[in-house]
């Protein structure tokens, strides 16, 4: 079986960027090609917020201060 995959070298070991269908302790042969680092893609705030998978009640956005501080700031 031949499979091409991307991995990151941390100074001691290669870490695949995706899972492999191999049993532990399976010996493999590696051929290393250095890939140029690409600039990380900038994510929008909305993409970052969605990736956090936060859960809250329906009034969460309109009552954020209540959840953060226990009371509204404008009531102080």
PDB file of N, CA and C in Angstrom:
ATOM      1  N   UNK A   1       0.843  -1.172   0.000  1.00  0.00           N
ATOM      2  CA  UNK A   1       0.000   0.000   0.000  1.00  0.00           C
ATOM      3  C   UNK A   1       0.892   1.240   0.000  1.00  0.00           C
ATOM      4  N   UNK A   2       0.593   2.191  -0.865  1.00  0.00           N
ATOM      5  CA  UNK A   2       1.304   3.460  -0.909  1.00  0.00           C
ATOM      6  C   UNK A   2       0.325   4.576  -0.624  1.00  0.00           C
ATOM      7  N   UNK A   3       0.705   5.466   0.276  1.00  0.00           N
ATOM      8  CA  UNK A   3      -0.165   6.588   0.623  1.00  0.00           C
ATOM      9  C   UNK A   3       0.704   7.820   0.788  1.00  0.00           C
ATOM     10  N   UNK A   4       0.280   8.902   0.182  1.00  0.00           N
ATOM     11  CA  UNK A   4       0.961  10.179   0.349  1.00  0.00           C
ATOM     12  C   UNK A   4       0.197  10.982   1.386  1.00  0.00           C
ATOM     13  N   UNK A   5       0.918  11.521   2.358  1.00  0.00           N
ATOM     14  CA  UNK A   5       0.262  12.305   3.393  1.00  0.00           C
ATOM     15  C   UNK A   5       1.162  13.443   3.818  1.00  0.00           C
ATOM     16  N   UNK A   6       0.582  14.412   4.465  1.00  0.00           N
ATOM     17  CA  UNK A   6       1.338  15.532   5.014  1.00  0.00           C
ATOM     18  C   UNK A   6       1.557  15.284   6.500  1.00  0.00           C
ATOM     19  N   UNK A   7       2.729  15.665   6.969  1.00  0.00           N
ATOM     20  CA  UNK A   7       3.056  15.492   8.380  1.00  0.00           C
ATOM     21  C   UNK A   7       3.891  16.680   8.831  1.00  0.00           C
ATOM     22  N   UNK A   8       3.959  16.865  10.129  1.00  0.00           N
ATOM     23  CA  UNK A   8       4.758  17.934  10.724  1.00  0.00           C
ATOM     24  C   UNK A   8       5.835  17.282  11.577  1.00  0.00           C
ATOM     25  N   UNK A   9       7.070  17.746  11.418  1.00  0.00           N
ATOM     26  CA  UNK A   9       8.186  17.235  12.208  1.00  0.00           C
ATOM     27  C   UNK A   9       8.408  18.173  13.387  1.00  0.00           C
ATOM     28  N   UNK A  10       8.378  17.642  14.607  1.00  0.00           N
ATOM     29  CA  UNK A  10       8.515  18.482  15.801  1.00  0.00           C
ATOM     30  C   UNK A  10       9.925  18.469  16.393  1.00  0.00           C
ATOM     31  N   UNK A  11      10.883  17.927  15.645  1.00  0.00           N
ATOM     32  CA  UNK A  11      12.253  17.838  16.143  1.00  0.00           C
ATOM     33  C   UNK A  11      12.604  16.444  16.616  1.00  0.00           C
ATOM     34  N   UNK A  12      11.591  15.609  16.854  1.00  0.00           N
ATOM     35  CA  UNK A  12      11.808  14.234  17.297  1.00  0.00           C
ATOM     36  C   UNK A  12      11.012  13.223  16.486  1.00  0.00           C
ATOM     37  N   UNK A  13       9.817  13.599  16.063  1.00  0.00           N
ATOM     38  CA  UNK A  13       8.931  12.645  15.386  1.00  0.00           C
ATOM     39  C   UNK A  13       8.105  13.359  14.324  1.00  0.00           C
ATOM     40  N   UNK A  14       7.615  12.581  13.372  1.00  0.00           N
ATOM     41  CA  UNK A  14       6.703  13.086  12.360  1.00  0.00           C
ATOM     42  C   UNK A  14       5.276  12.840  12.830  1.00  0.00           C
ATOM     43  N   UNK A  15       4.444  13.871  12.755  1.00  0.00           N
ATOM     44  CA  UNK A  15       3.044  13.773  13.172  1.00  0.00           C
ATOM     45  C   UNK A  15       2.158  13.962  11.952  1.00  0.00           C
ATOM     46  N   UNK A  16       1.441  12.912  11.525  1.00  0.00           N
ATOM     47  CA  UNK A  16       0.563  13.043  10.363  1.00  0.00           C
ATOM     48  C   UNK A  16      -0.557  14.044  10.627  1.00  0.00           C
ATOM     49  N   UNK A  17      -0.939  14.760   9.569  1.00  0.00           N
ATOM     50  CA  UNK A  17      -2.016  15.742   9.696  1.00  0.00           C
ATOM     51  C   UNK A  17      -3.390  15.107   9.564  1.00  0.00           C
ATOM     52  N   UNK A  18      -3.450  13.828   9.281  1.00  0.00           N
ATOM     53  CA  UNK A  18      -4.725  13.110   9.175  1.00  0.00           C
ATOM     54  C   UNK A  18      -4.522  11.702   9.729  1.00  0.00           C
ATOM     55  N   UNK A  19      -5.579  11.053  10.170  1.00  0.00           N
ATOM     56  CA  UNK A  19      -5.451   9.704  10.723  1.00  0.00           C
ATOM     57  C   UNK A  19      -5.017   8.695   9.657  1.00  0.00           C
ATOM     58  N   UNK A  20      -4.287   7.689  10.078  1.00  0.00           N
ATOM     59  CA  UNK A  20      -3.848   6.613   9.187  1.00  0.00           C
ATOM     60  C   UNK A  20      -4.495   5.304   9.605  1.00  0.00           C
ATOM     61  N   UNK A  21      -4.792   4.494   8.633  1.00  0.00           N
ATOM     62  CA  UNK A  21      -5.384   3.188   8.905  1.00  0.00           C
ATOM     63  C   UNK A  21      -4.259   2.165   9.064  1.00  0.00           C
ATOM     64  N   UNK A  22      -3.485   2.317  10.141  1.00  0.00           N
ATOM     65  CA  UNK A  22      -2.363   1.423  10.431  1.00  0.00           C
ATOM     66  C   UNK A  22      -2.443   0.952  11.875  1.00  0.00           C
ATOM     67  N   UNK A  23      -1.992  -0.254  12.093  1.00  0.00           N
ATOM     68  CA  UNK A  23      -1.913  -0.767  13.461  1.00  0.00           C
ATOM     69  C   UNK A  23      -0.695  -0.161  14.151  1.00  0.00           C
ATOM     70  N   UNK A  24      -0.755   0.015  15.466  1.00  0.00           N
ATOM     71  CA  UNK A  24       0.421   0.497  16.193  1.00  0.00           C
ATOM     72  C   UNK A  24       1.616  -0.427  15.956  1.00  0.00           C
ATOM     73  N   UNK A  25       2.798   0.151  15.969  1.00  0.00           N
ATOM     74  CA  UNK A  25       4.066  -0.559  15.777  1.00  0.00           C
ATOM     75  C   UNK A  25       4.274  -1.049  14.343  1.00  0.00           C
ATOM     76  N   UNK A  26       3.448  -0.618  13.381  1.00  0.00           N
ATOM     77  CA  UNK A  26       3.649  -0.983  11.981  1.00  0.00           C
ATOM     78  C   UNK A  26       4.852  -0.211  11.452  1.00  0.00           C
ATOM     79  N   UNK A  27       5.786  -0.908  10.818  1.00  0.00           N
ATOM     80  CA  UNK A  27       6.953  -0.248  10.237  1.00  0.00           C
ATOM     81  C   UNK A  27       6.578   0.296   8.866  1.00  0.00           C
ATOM     82  N   UNK A  28       7.052   1.508   8.582  1.00  0.00           N
ATOM     83  CA  UNK A  28       6.787   2.146   7.296  1.00  0.00           C
ATOM     84  C   UNK A  28       8.095   2.713   6.753  1.00  0.00           C
ATOM     85  N   UNK A  29       8.111   3.032   5.473  1.00  0.00           N
ATOM     86  CA  UNK A  29       9.269   3.677   4.858  1.00  0.00           C
ATOM     87  C   UNK A  29       8.860   5.098   4.503  1.00  0.00           C
ATOM     88  N   UNK A  30       9.649   6.063   4.922  1.00  0.00           N
ATOM     89  CA  UNK A  30       9.328   7.464   4.677  1.00  0.00           C
ATOM     90  C   UNK A  30      10.280   8.058   3.651  1.00  0.00           C
ATOM     91  N   UNK A  31       9.748   8.841   2.757  1.00  0.00           N
ATOM     92  CA  UNK A  31      10.529   9.686   1.871  1.00  0.00           C
ATOM     93  C   UNK A  31      10.111  11.111   2.193  1.00  0.00           C
ATOM     94  N   UNK A  32      11.061  11.956   2.543  1.00  0.00           N
ATOM     95  CA  UNK A  32      10.726  13.287   3.033  1.00  0.00           C
ATOM     96  C   UNK A  32      10.958  14.329   1.946  1.00  0.00           C
ATOM     97  N   UNK A  33       9.937  15.117   1.669  1.00  0.00           N
ATOM     98  CA  UNK A  33      10.011  16.278   0.791  1.00  0.00           C
ATOM     99  C   UNK A  33       9.637  17.482   1.644  1.00  0.00           C
ATOM    100  N   UNK A  34      10.510  18.464   1.693  1.00  0.00           N
ATOM    101  CA  UNK A  34      10.205  19.651   2.491  1.00  0.00           C
ATOM    102  C   UNK A  34       9.239  20.525   1.708  1.00  0.00           C
ATOM    103  N   UNK A  35       8.128  20.862   2.344  1.00  0.00           N
ATOM    104  CA  UNK A  35       7.090  21.679   1.729  1.00  0.00           C
ATOM    105  C   UNK A  35       7.212  23.092   2.279  1.00  0.00           C
ATOM    106  N   UNK A  36       7.176  24.072   1.381  1.00  0.00           N
ATOM    107  CA  UNK A  36       7.251  25.460   1.838  1.00  0.00           C
ATOM    108  C   UNK A  36       6.065  25.777   2.729  1.00  0.00           C
ATOM    109  N   UNK A  37       6.330  26.549   3.765  1.00  0.00           N
ATOM    110  CA  UNK A  37       5.245  26.962   4.651  1.00  0.00           C
ATOM    111  C   UNK A  37       4.353  27.940   3.904  1.00  0.00           C
ATOM    112  N   UNK A  38       3.088  27.690   3.962  1.00  0.00           N
ATOM    113  CA  UNK A  38       2.148  28.630   3.364  1.00  0.00           C
ATOM    114  C   UNK A  38       1.655  29.572   4.452  1.00  0.00           C
ATOM    115  N   UNK A  39       1.269  30.758   4.034  1.00  0.00           N
ATOM    116  CA  UNK A  39       0.740  31.710   5.002  1.00  0.00           C
ATOM    117  C   UNK A  39      -0.576  31.177   5.533  1.00  0.00           C
ATOM    118  N   UNK A  40      -0.758  31.208   6.839  1.00  0.00           N
ATOM    119  CA  UNK A  40      -2.041  30.744   7.374  1.00  0.00           C
ATOM    120  C   UNK A  40      -3.167  31.637   6.868  1.00  0.00           C
ATOM    121  N   UNK A  41      -4.270  31.001   6.521  1.00  0.00           N
ATOM    122  CA  UNK A  41      -5.416  31.760   6.055  1.00  0.00           C
ATOM    123  C   UNK A  41      -6.047  32.475   7.238  1.00  0.00           C
ATOM    124  N   UNK A  42      -6.372  33.732   7.011  1.00  0.00           N
ATOM    125  CA  UNK A  42      -7.027  34.492   8.067  1.00  0.00           C
ATOM    126  C   UNK A  42      -8.487  34.091   8.110  1.00  0.00           C
ATOM    127  N   UNK A  43      -8.951  33.816   9.294  1.00  0.00           N
ATOM    128  CA  UNK A  43     -10.361  33.487   9.474  1.00  0.00           C
ATOM    129  C   UNK A  43     -11.096  34.726   9.956  1.00  0.00           C
ATOM    130  N   UNK A  44     -12.318  34.828   9.553  1.00  0.00           N
ATOM    131  CA  UNK A  44     -13.136  35.933  10.039  1.00  0.00           C
ATOM    132  C   UNK A  44     -13.511  35.660  11.498  1.00  0.00           C
ATOM    133  N   UNK A  45     -13.949  36.697  12.178  1.00  0.00           N
ATOM    134  CA  UNK A  45     -14.397  36.530  13.558  1.00  0.00           C
ATOM    135  C   UNK A  45     -15.522  35.508  13.626  1.00  0.00           C
ATOM    136  N   UNK A  46     -16.444  35.567  12.657  1.00  0.00           N
ATOM    137  CA  UNK A  46     -17.579  34.647  12.648  1.00  0.00           C
ATOM    138  C   UNK A  46     -17.110  33.200  12.498  1.00  0.00           C
ATOM    139  N   UNK A  47     -16.125  32.951  11.617  1.00  0.00           N
ATOM    140  CA  UNK A  47     -15.602  31.591  11.461  1.00  0.00           C
ATOM    141  C   UNK A  47     -14.958  31.111  12.758  1.00  0.00           C
ATOM    142  N   UNK A  48     -14.207  31.984  13.415  1.00  0.00           N
ATOM    143  CA  UNK A  48     -13.575  31.619  14.682  1.00  0.00           C
ATOM    144  C   UNK A  48     -14.625  31.329  15.743  1.00  0.00           C
ATOM    145  N   UNK A  49     -15.625  32.184  15.845  1.00  0.00           N
ATOM    146  CA  UNK A  49     -16.683  31.986  16.839  1.00  0.00           C
ATOM    147  C   UNK A  49     -17.428  30.685  16.590  1.00  0.00           C
ATOM    148  N   UNK A  50     -17.743  30.400  15.328  1.00  0.00           N
ATOM    149  CA  UNK A  50     -18.448  29.153  15.019  1.00  0.00           C
ATOM    150  C   UNK A  50     -17.598  27.933  15.339  1.00  0.00           C
ATOM    151  N   UNK A  51     -16.278  28.028  15.137  1.00  0.00           N
ATOM    152  CA  UNK A  51     -15.409  26.880  15.392  1.00  0.00           C
ATOM    153  C   UNK A  51     -15.338  26.541  16.881  1.00  0.00           C
ATOM    154  N   UNK A  52     -15.659  27.496  17.758  1.00  0.00           N
ATOM    155  CA  UNK A  52     -15.638  27.250  19.200  1.00  0.00           C
ATOM    156  C   UNK A  52     -16.813  26.406  19.665  1.00  0.00           C
ATOM    157  N   UNK A  53     -17.860  26.331  18.854  1.00  0.00           N
ATOM    158  CA  UNK A  53     -19.053  25.533  19.154  1.00  0.00           C
ATOM    159  C   UNK A  53     -19.604  25.856  20.543  1.00  0.00           C
ATOM    160  N   UNK A  54     -19.761  27.142  20.796  1.00  0.00           N
ATOM    161  CA  UNK A  54     -20.306  27.586  22.077  1.00  0.00           C
ATOM    162  C   UNK A  54     -21.806  27.356  22.113  1.00  0.00           C
ATOM    163  N   UNK A  55     -22.303  27.072  23.282  1.00  0.00           N
ATOM    164  CA  UNK A  55     -23.737  26.880  23.457  1.00  0.00           C
ATOM    165  C   UNK A  55     -24.227  27.810  24.550  1.00  0.00           C
ATOM    166  N   UNK A  56     -25.393  28.366  24.329  1.00  0.00           N
ATOM    167  CA  UNK A  56     -25.974  29.254  25.324  1.00  0.00           C
ATOM    168  C   UNK A  56     -27.468  29.363  25.103  1.00  0.00           C
ATOM    169  N   UNK A  57     -28.124  30.030  26.014  1.00  0.00           N
ATOM    170  CA  UNK A  57     -29.571  30.183  25.885  1.00  0.00           C
ATOM    171  C   UNK A  57     -29.891  31.148  24.741  1.00  0.00           C
ATOM    172  N   UNK A  58     -31.165  31.228  24.379  1.00  0.00           N
ATOM    173  CA  UNK A  58     -31.584  32.038  23.237  1.00  0.00           C
ATOM    174  C   UNK A  58     -31.289  33.523  23.421  1.00  0.00           C
ATOM    175  N   UNK A  59     -31.288  34.021  24.661  1.00  0.00           N
ATOM    176  CA  UNK A  59     -31.044  35.444  24.890  1.00  0.00           C
ATOM    177  C   UNK A  59     -29.574  35.750  25.188  1.00  0.00           C
ATOM    178  N   UNK A  60     -28.712  34.824  24.864  1.00  0.00           N
ATOM    179  CA  UNK A  60     -27.305  34.950  25.211  1.00  0.00           C
ATOM    180  C   UNK A  60     -26.689  36.237  24.674  1.00  0.00           C
ATOM    181  N   UNK A  61     -26.877  36.538  23.403  1.00  0.00           N
ATOM    182  CA  UNK A  61     -26.235  37.721  22.838  1.00  0.00           C
ATOM    183  C   UNK A  61     -26.829  39.012  23.387  1.00  0.00           C
ATOM    184  N   UNK A  62     -28.124  39.055  23.610  1.00  0.00           N
ATOM    185  CA  UNK A  62     -28.744  40.285  24.107  1.00  0.00           C
ATOM    186  C   UNK A  62     -28.527  40.469  25.608  1.00  0.00           C
ATOM    187  N   UNK A  63     -28.187  39.432  26.330  1.00  0.00           N
ATOM    188  CA  UNK A  63     -27.984  39.514  27.785  1.00  0.00           C
ATOM    189  C   UNK A  63     -26.577  39.089  28.182  1.00  0.00           C
ATOM    190  N   UNK A  64     -25.611  39.345  27.313  1.00  0.00           N
ATOM    191  CA  UNK A  64     -24.243  38.900  27.567  1.00  0.00           C
ATOM    192  C   UNK A  64     -23.699  39.440  28.888  1.00  0.00           C
ATOM    193  N   UNK A  65     -23.961  40.712  29.185  1.00  0.00           N
ATOM    194  CA  UNK A  65     -23.463  41.303  30.428  1.00  0.00           C
ATOM    195  C   UNK A  65     -23.996  40.567  31.654  1.00  0.00           C
ATOM    196  N   UNK A  66     -25.260  40.149  31.584  1.00  0.00           N
ATOM    197  CA  UNK A  66     -25.839  39.399  32.703  1.00  0.00           C
ATOM    198  C   UNK A  66     -25.067  38.108  32.942  1.00  0.00           C
ATOM    199  N   UNK A  67     -24.709  37.433  31.861  1.00  0.00           N
ATOM    200  CA  UNK A  67     -23.994  36.164  31.990  1.00  0.00           C
ATOM    201  C   UNK A  67     -22.544  36.375  32.424  1.00  0.00           C
ATOM    202  N   UNK A  68     -21.927  37.457  31.956  1.00  0.00           N
ATOM    203  CA  UNK A  68     -20.531  37.706  32.309  1.00  0.00           C
ATOM    204  C   UNK A  68     -20.367  38.277  33.710  1.00  0.00           C
ATOM    205  N   UNK A  69     -21.221  39.259  34.059  1.00  0.00           N
ATOM    206  CA  UNK A  69     -21.026  40.010  35.294  1.00  0.00           C
ATOM    207  C   UNK A  69     -22.102  39.780  36.347  1.00  0.00           C
ATOM    208  N   UNK A  70     -23.144  39.063  36.003  1.00  0.00           N
ATOM    209  CA  UNK A  70     -24.199  38.793  36.959  1.00  0.00           C
ATOM    210  C   UNK A  70     -25.291  39.846  36.986  1.00  0.00           C
ATOM    211  N   UNK A  71     -25.041  40.993  36.389  1.00  0.00           N
ATOM    212  CA  UNK A  71     -26.059  42.046  36.292  1.00  0.00           C
ATOM    213  C   UNK A  71     -25.672  42.960  35.139  1.00  0.00           C
ATOM    214  N   UNK A  72     -26.610  43.701  34.652  1.00  0.00           N
ATOM    215  CA  UNK A  72     -26.328  44.631  33.556  1.00  0.00           C
ATOM    216  C   UNK A  72     -25.492  45.807  34.069  1.00  0.00           C
ATOM    217  N   UNK A  73     -24.531  46.247  33.240  1.00  0.00           N
ATOM    218  CA  UNK A  73     -23.701  47.385  33.620  1.00  0.00           C
ATOM    219  C   UNK A  73     -24.518  48.668  33.745  1.00  0.00           C
ATOM    220  N   UNK A  74     -25.539  48.841  32.893  1.00  0.00           N
ATOM    221  CA  UNK A  74     -26.311  50.074  32.912  1.00  0.00           C
ATOM    222  C   UNK A  74     -27.229  50.180  34.132  1.00  0.00           C
ATOM    223  N   UNK A  75     -27.354  49.126  34.920  1.00  0.00           N
ATOM    224  CA  UNK A  75     -28.194  49.145  36.115  1.00  0.00           C
ATOM    225  C   UNK A  75     -27.405  49.546  37.353  1.00  0.00           C
ATOM    226  N   UNK A  76     -26.094  49.697  37.236  1.00  0.00           N
ATOM    227  CA  UNK A  76     -25.258  50.008  38.397  1.00  0.00           C
ATOM    228  C   UNK A  76     -25.299  51.463  38.745  1.00  0.00           C
TER     229      UNK A  76
END
